[in-house]
Amino acid sequence: MFAIERDAQIAVLRQTHFERSQTLANVPAGSRSHGRLLVECEDISDEIDRLKRCIDIPRSVALAVPVLLAVLVLALVS
């Protein structure tokens, strides 16, 4: 489920990045709005990269790991 949500977020961010890039191409270089749009495009690109690096771990596995650790700790203590 997480991978689908992540992919949907990436698709929305790519569309937003495309739109901002088109606007950026029509703004004079060196202007304040150009600088703001450039920073916004870089932030969007960074967020896309961050989402791509996310690892898809099933929720059941994520919930099972703490339980297994607790069982191991109890076994070692006993």
N, C-alpha and C. Protein backbone atom coordinates (compact mmCIF):
# COMPACT_ATOMS: atom_id res chain seq x y z
N MET A 1 0.83 -1.19 0.00
CA MET A 1 0.00 0.00 0.00
C MET A 1 0.88 1.26 0.00
N PHE A 2 1.95 1.21 0.79
CA PHE A 2 2.82 2.38 0.87
C PHE A 2 3.43 2.73 -0.48
N ALA A 3 3.82 1.70 -1.24
CA ALA A 3 4.45 1.94 -2.54
C ALA A 3 3.50 2.66 -3.49
N ILE A 4 2.22 2.32 -3.43
CA ILE A 4 1.23 2.98 -4.29
C ILE A 4 1.09 4.44 -3.89
N GLU A 5 1.01 4.71 -2.59
CA GLU A 5 0.90 6.08 -2.11
C GLU A 5 2.16 6.88 -2.48
N ARG A 6 3.32 6.24 -2.31
CA ARG A 6 4.58 6.90 -2.64
C ARG A 6 4.64 7.24 -4.13
N ASP A 7 4.26 6.27 -4.97
CA ASP A 7 4.28 6.51 -6.41
C ASP A 7 3.30 7.60 -6.82
N ALA A 8 2.16 7.66 -6.14
CA ALA A 8 1.18 8.72 -6.43
C ALA A 8 1.75 10.09 -6.04
N GLN A 9 2.43 10.14 -4.89
CA GLN A 9 3.05 11.40 -4.47
C GLN A 9 4.13 11.83 -5.45
N ILE A 10 4.93 10.88 -5.90
CA ILE A 10 5.98 11.19 -6.87
C ILE A 10 5.38 11.72 -8.16
N ALA A 11 4.28 11.12 -8.61
CA ALA A 11 3.63 11.58 -9.85
C ALA A 11 3.12 13.01 -9.70
N VAL A 12 2.52 13.32 -8.57
CA VAL A 12 2.02 14.68 -8.33
C VAL A 12 3.19 15.67 -8.28
N LEU A 13 4.26 15.29 -7.60
CA LEU A 13 5.42 16.17 -7.50
C LEU A 13 6.08 16.39 -8.87
N ARG A 14 6.13 15.35 -9.68
CA ARG A 14 6.70 15.50 -11.03
C ARG A 14 5.87 16.47 -11.87
N GLN A 15 4.55 16.37 -11.76
CA GLN A 15 3.67 17.27 -12.50
C GLN A 15 3.88 18.71 -12.01
N THR A 16 3.95 18.88 -10.70
CA THR A 16 4.18 20.21 -10.13
C THR A 16 5.54 20.75 -10.58
N HIS A 17 6.55 19.90 -10.57
CA HIS A 17 7.89 20.31 -11.00
C HIS A 17 7.88 20.73 -12.47
N PHE A 18 7.16 19.99 -13.29
CA PHE A 18 7.06 20.32 -14.71
C PHE A 18 6.41 21.69 -14.90
N GLU A 19 5.32 21.94 -14.17
CA GLU A 19 4.63 23.22 -14.28
C GLU A 19 5.50 24.37 -13.82
N ARG A 20 6.20 24.18 -12.69
CA ARG A 20 7.08 25.25 -12.17
C ARG A 20 8.25 25.48 -13.12
N SER A 21 8.74 24.43 -13.73
CA SER A 21 9.85 24.57 -14.68
C SER A 21 9.43 25.36 -15.91
N GLN A 22 8.22 25.12 -16.37
CA GLN A 22 7.71 25.90 -17.52
C GLN A 22 7.61 27.38 -17.15
N THR A 23 7.11 27.65 -15.96
CA THR A 23 7.02 29.05 -15.50
C THR A 23 8.40 29.65 -15.37
N LEU A 24 9.32 28.87 -14.82
CA LEU A 24 10.69 29.34 -14.61
C LEU A 24 11.35 29.72 -15.94
N ALA A 25 11.06 28.98 -16.99
CA ALA A 25 11.65 29.26 -18.30
C ALA A 25 11.20 30.61 -18.85
N ASN A 26 10.04 31.09 -18.40
CA ASN A 26 9.51 32.35 -18.92
C ASN A 26 9.80 33.55 -18.02
N VAL A 27 10.52 33.34 -16.93
CA VAL A 27 10.83 34.42 -16.00
C VAL A 27 12.27 34.86 -16.25
N PRO A 28 12.52 36.17 -16.27
CA PRO A 28 13.88 36.65 -16.50
C PRO A 28 14.86 36.15 -15.44
N ALA A 29 16.00 35.66 -15.91
CA ALA A 29 17.02 35.16 -14.98
C ALA A 29 17.54 36.29 -14.11
N GLY A 30 17.76 36.00 -12.85
CA GLY A 30 18.29 37.01 -11.92
C GLY A 30 17.22 37.75 -11.16
N SER A 31 15.96 37.63 -11.56
CA SER A 31 14.89 38.33 -10.84
C SER A 31 14.56 37.56 -9.56
N ARG A 32 13.87 38.24 -8.63
CA ARG A 32 13.50 37.59 -7.37
C ARG A 32 12.60 36.39 -7.61
N SER A 33 11.64 36.54 -8.51
CA SER A 33 10.72 35.43 -8.77
C SER A 33 11.46 34.25 -9.40
N HIS A 34 12.47 34.53 -10.21
CA HIS A 34 13.27 33.46 -10.81
C HIS A 34 13.99 32.69 -9.70
N GLY A 35 14.57 33.42 -8.77
CA GLY A 35 15.27 32.77 -7.66
C GLY A 35 14.34 31.93 -6.81
N ARG A 36 13.15 32.45 -6.51
CA ARG A 36 12.18 31.70 -5.71
C ARG A 36 11.72 30.44 -6.43
N LEU A 37 11.43 30.57 -7.72
CA LEU A 37 10.99 29.41 -8.49
C LEU A 37 12.10 28.37 -8.59
N LEU A 38 13.33 28.83 -8.74
CA LEU A 38 14.46 27.91 -8.83
C LEU A 38 14.60 27.11 -7.53
N VAL A 39 14.50 27.80 -6.40
CA VAL A 39 14.58 27.13 -5.10
C VAL A 39 13.42 26.15 -4.95
N GLU A 40 12.22 26.56 -5.37
CA GLU A 40 11.06 25.68 -5.27
C GLU A 40 11.24 24.42 -6.12
N CYS A 41 11.77 24.60 -7.32
CA CYS A 41 12.02 23.44 -8.20
C CYS A 41 13.05 22.50 -7.58
N GLU A 42 14.09 23.06 -6.98
CA GLU A 42 15.10 22.24 -6.34
C GLU A 42 14.52 21.48 -5.15
N ASP A 43 13.66 22.16 -4.38
CA ASP A 43 13.02 21.50 -3.23
C ASP A 43 12.12 20.35 -3.69
N ILE A 44 11.38 20.57 -4.76
CA ILE A 44 10.51 19.52 -5.29
C ILE A 44 11.35 18.35 -5.78
N SER A 45 12.44 18.64 -6.46
CA SER A 45 13.33 17.59 -6.95
C SER A 45 13.94 16.80 -5.79
N ASP A 46 14.33 17.49 -4.73
CA ASP A 46 14.87 16.81 -3.55
C ASP A 46 13.83 15.91 -2.90
N GLU A 47 12.58 16.37 -2.84
CA GLU A 47 11.51 15.56 -2.26
C GLU A 47 11.25 14.31 -3.10
N ILE A 48 11.30 14.46 -4.42
CA ILE A 48 11.13 13.30 -5.30
C ILE A 48 12.25 12.29 -5.05
N ASP A 49 13.49 12.78 -4.94
CA ASP A 49 14.62 11.88 -4.67
C ASP A 49 14.46 11.18 -3.33
N ARG A 50 13.99 11.93 -2.31
CA ARG A 50 13.79 11.33 -0.99
C ARG A 50 12.75 10.22 -1.04
N LEU A 51 11.66 10.47 -1.74
CA LEU A 51 10.60 9.47 -1.86
C LEU A 51 11.08 8.24 -2.62
N LYS A 52 11.93 8.44 -3.62
CA LYS A 52 12.45 7.31 -4.38
C LYS A 52 13.34 6.41 -3.52
N ARG A 53 14.01 7.01 -2.53
CA ARG A 53 14.89 6.23 -1.66
C ARG A 53 14.14 5.47 -0.57
N CYS A 54 12.87 5.77 -0.37
CA CYS A 54 12.09 5.08 0.67
C CYS A 54 11.98 3.60 0.35
N ILE A 55 12.12 2.80 1.37
CA ILE A 55 12.03 1.35 1.21
C ILE A 55 10.62 0.92 1.57
N ASP A 56 10.07 0.06 0.75
CA ASP A 56 8.72 -0.44 0.98
C ASP A 56 8.79 -1.66 1.89
N ILE A 57 8.42 -1.46 3.17
CA ILE A 57 8.38 -2.56 4.13
C ILE A 57 6.91 -2.81 4.46
N PRO A 58 6.45 -4.04 4.29
CA PRO A 58 5.06 -4.34 4.63
C PRO A 58 4.76 -4.00 6.09
N ARG A 59 3.57 -3.53 6.36
CA ARG A 59 3.18 -3.11 7.70
C ARG A 59 3.28 -4.28 8.69
N SER A 60 2.93 -5.47 8.24
CA SER A 60 2.99 -6.64 9.14
C SER A 60 4.42 -6.91 9.60
N VAL A 61 5.38 -6.72 8.71
CA VAL A 61 6.79 -6.92 9.08
C VAL A 61 7.23 -5.83 10.05
N ALA A 62 6.83 -4.61 9.78
CA ALA A 62 7.20 -3.50 10.66
C ALA A 62 6.64 -3.69 12.06
N LEU A 63 5.46 -4.29 12.18
CA LEU A 63 4.87 -4.54 13.49
C LEU A 63 5.45 -5.78 14.15
N ALA A 64 5.90 -6.73 13.38
CA ALA A 64 6.44 -7.98 13.93
C ALA A 64 7.83 -7.81 14.52
N VAL A 65 8.62 -6.92 13.99
CA VAL A 65 10.00 -6.74 14.46
C VAL A 65 10.06 -6.37 15.93
N PRO A 66 9.31 -5.37 16.42
CA PRO A 66 9.37 -5.05 17.86
C PRO A 66 8.90 -6.22 18.74
N VAL A 67 7.92 -6.96 18.26
CA VAL A 67 7.43 -8.12 19.03
C VAL A 67 8.53 -9.17 19.14
N LEU A 68 9.19 -9.45 18.04
CA LEU A 68 10.28 -10.43 18.07
C LEU A 68 11.44 -9.98 18.96
N LEU A 69 11.74 -8.70 18.93
CA LEU A 69 12.80 -8.18 19.80
C LEU A 69 12.41 -8.32 21.27
N ALA A 70 11.16 -8.05 21.59
CA ALA A 70 10.69 -8.19 22.97
C ALA A 70 10.78 -9.65 23.43
N VAL A 71 10.41 -10.57 22.56
CA VAL A 71 10.50 -11.99 22.89
C VAL A 71 11.95 -12.39 23.12
N LEU A 72 12.84 -11.94 22.28
CA LEU A 72 14.27 -12.24 22.46
C LEU A 72 14.82 -11.67 23.74
N VAL A 73 14.45 -10.46 24.08
CA VAL A 73 14.92 -9.84 25.33
C VAL A 73 14.38 -10.64 26.52
N LEU A 74 13.12 -11.01 26.50
CA LEU A 74 12.56 -11.80 27.59
C LEU A 74 13.24 -13.16 27.70
N ALA A 75 13.57 -13.77 26.58
CA ALA A 75 14.25 -15.05 26.60
C ALA A 75 15.66 -14.92 27.18
N LEU A 76 16.33 -13.83 26.89
CA LEU A 76 17.68 -13.61 27.42
C LEU A 76 17.64 -13.29 28.91
N VAL A 77 16.64 -12.59 29.36
CA VAL A 77 16.53 -12.20 30.75
C VAL A 77 16.16 -13.42 31.62
N SER A 78 15.35 -14.31 31.09
CA SER A 78 14.89 -15.47 31.88
C SER A 78 15.99 -16.46 32.12
